Amino acid sequence: TDVTAAIDAFYVDGDDDRRTVWMDKKAKVAFNGYRQNNGRDITEIPMVEIEHVILEAITEQFSISVDSLSLIAAKKLGFTRRGTKVELALNTAVENLVENRQIEIVDGKMHILA
């Protein structure tokens, strides 16, 4: 379709459920923020934003348990509670960050990797 052809001209990150379209890969690498929830469902928040919230929370705490991180990250995103979808999104983001060697989990605590 025309939409697919247009998207192919950009850098697309993520899977079929959560795609983020960037002007190019440099734009993705340079991005380091997140937007607080403005009525969006957690499934509408790009994974890169959730990952940045997690990195910010770990940086602020130096070392943080998975459960504490989940609560802090959900609040930073503007959610008042951690439902199943919020927990799933946060867990997926943590898995991505571990896979990409940005964080590690040792004895139940998360740390930023240098």
Protein backbone atom coordinates (compact mmCIF):
# COMPACT_ATOMS: atom_id res chain seq x y z
CA THR A 1 0.00 0.00 0.00
CA ASP A 2 0.98 3.65 -0.18
CA VAL A 3 1.34 3.81 3.61
CA THR A 4 3.77 0.87 3.67
CA ALA A 5 5.83 2.44 0.89
CA ALA A 6 5.94 5.74 2.77
CA ILE A 7 6.99 4.07 6.03
CA ASP A 8 9.77 2.17 4.24
CA ALA A 9 11.48 5.52 3.63
CA PHE A 10 11.95 5.93 7.40
CA TYR A 11 13.60 3.95 10.20
CA VAL A 12 11.05 1.69 11.90
CA ASP A 13 11.77 0.25 15.34
CA GLY A 14 9.79 -2.26 17.36
CA ASP A 15 7.56 -5.19 16.62
CA ASP A 16 4.15 -5.43 14.96
CA ASP A 17 2.36 -4.48 18.19
CA ARG A 18 4.50 -1.42 19.00
CA ARG A 19 6.18 0.27 16.10
CA THR A 20 7.87 3.63 16.28
CA VAL A 21 8.69 5.45 13.06
CA TRP A 22 11.76 7.71 13.07
CA MET A 23 13.24 10.00 10.44
CA ASP A 24 16.40 7.88 10.65
CA LYS A 25 18.32 5.72 13.12
CA LYS A 26 20.21 8.76 14.46
CA ALA A 27 16.90 10.28 15.57
CA LYS A 28 16.11 7.15 17.59
CA VAL A 29 19.55 7.10 19.21
CA ALA A 30 19.32 10.82 20.06
CA PHE A 31 15.86 10.48 21.65
CA ASN A 32 16.05 10.34 25.45
CA GLY A 33 12.70 11.31 26.85
CA TYR A 34 9.15 10.26 27.46
CA ARG A 35 5.76 11.90 27.67
CA GLN A 36 3.63 11.53 30.72
CA ASN A 37 0.32 9.80 30.10
CA ASN A 38 -2.30 12.12 28.68
CA GLY A 39 -5.10 9.60 28.52
CA ARG A 40 -3.20 7.07 26.42
CA ASP A 41 -3.49 3.39 27.14
CA ILE A 42 -0.15 1.77 27.98
CA THR A 43 -0.37 -0.09 24.66
CA GLU A 44 -0.27 3.28 22.87
CA ILE A 45 3.00 4.37 24.49
CA PRO A 46 6.05 3.57 22.36
CA MET A 47 8.36 1.00 23.93
CA VAL A 48 11.28 3.41 23.63
CA GLU A 49 9.51 5.83 26.00
CA ILE A 50 8.85 3.07 28.53
CA GLU A 51 12.51 2.04 28.32
CA HIS A 52 13.61 5.63 28.97
CA VAL A 53 11.38 5.84 32.05
CA ILE A 54 12.97 2.67 33.38
CA LEU A 55 16.49 3.93 32.71
CA GLU A 56 15.68 7.23 34.44
CA ALA A 57 14.23 5.47 37.49
CA ILE A 58 17.26 3.18 37.82
CA THR A 59 19.62 6.14 37.41
CA GLU A 60 17.81 8.07 40.15
CA GLN A 61 17.84 5.09 42.54
CA PHE A 62 21.28 3.66 41.55
CA SER A 63 19.93 0.18 42.24
CA ILE A 64 16.30 -0.81 42.45
CA SER A 65 14.22 -3.95 42.88
CA VAL A 66 12.03 -5.08 40.03
CA ASP A 67 8.86 -4.50 42.07
CA SER A 68 9.86 -1.00 43.17
CA LEU A 69 10.88 -0.11 39.64
CA SER A 70 7.50 -1.18 38.34
CA LEU A 71 5.69 1.12 40.78
CA ILE A 72 8.00 4.11 40.14
CA ALA A 73 7.93 3.69 36.36
CA ALA A 74 4.14 3.39 36.27
CA LYS A 75 3.81 6.62 38.28
CA LYS A 76 6.34 8.44 36.08
CA LEU A 77 4.24 7.48 33.06
CA GLY A 78 1.16 8.88 34.80
CA PHE A 79 -0.60 5.65 35.77
CA THR A 80 -2.07 5.52 39.25
CA ARG A 81 -1.98 1.74 39.43
CA ARG A 82 -0.18 -1.19 37.88
CA GLY A 83 -2.64 -3.31 35.98
CA THR A 84 -1.85 -6.37 33.90
CA LYS A 85 -1.17 -4.37 30.73
CA VAL A 86 1.11 -1.91 32.53
CA GLU A 87 3.07 -4.74 34.17
CA LEU A 88 3.40 -6.55 30.83
CA ALA A 89 4.68 -3.42 29.09
CA LEU A 90 7.18 -2.67 31.87
CA ASN A 91 8.41 -6.28 31.93
CA THR A 92 8.85 -6.25 28.15
CA ALA A 93 10.85 -3.02 28.38
CA VAL A 94 13.06 -4.49 31.12
CA GLU A 95 13.66 -7.60 28.99
CA ASN A 96 14.61 -5.40 26.02
CA LEU A 97 17.05 -3.38 28.14
CA VAL A 98 18.65 -6.55 29.53
CA GLU A 99 18.92 -8.06 26.02
CA ASN A 100 20.50 -4.84 24.72
CA ARG A 101 22.96 -4.88 27.66
CA GLN A 102 21.82 -1.51 28.98
CA ILE A 103 20.83 -2.88 32.39
CA GLU A 104 21.50 -5.99 34.43
CA ILE A 105 19.61 -7.69 37.23
CA VAL A 106 21.73 -9.03 40.07
CA ASP A 107 20.15 -10.51 43.21
CA GLY A 108 16.77 -9.04 42.24
CA LYS A 109 18.16 -5.49 41.83
CA MET A 110 18.53 -3.61 38.55
CA HIS A 111 21.64 -1.62 37.68
CA ILE A 112 22.66 0.45 34.65
CA LEU A 113 25.55 -1.05 32.68
CA ALA A 114 28.31 1.36 31.70
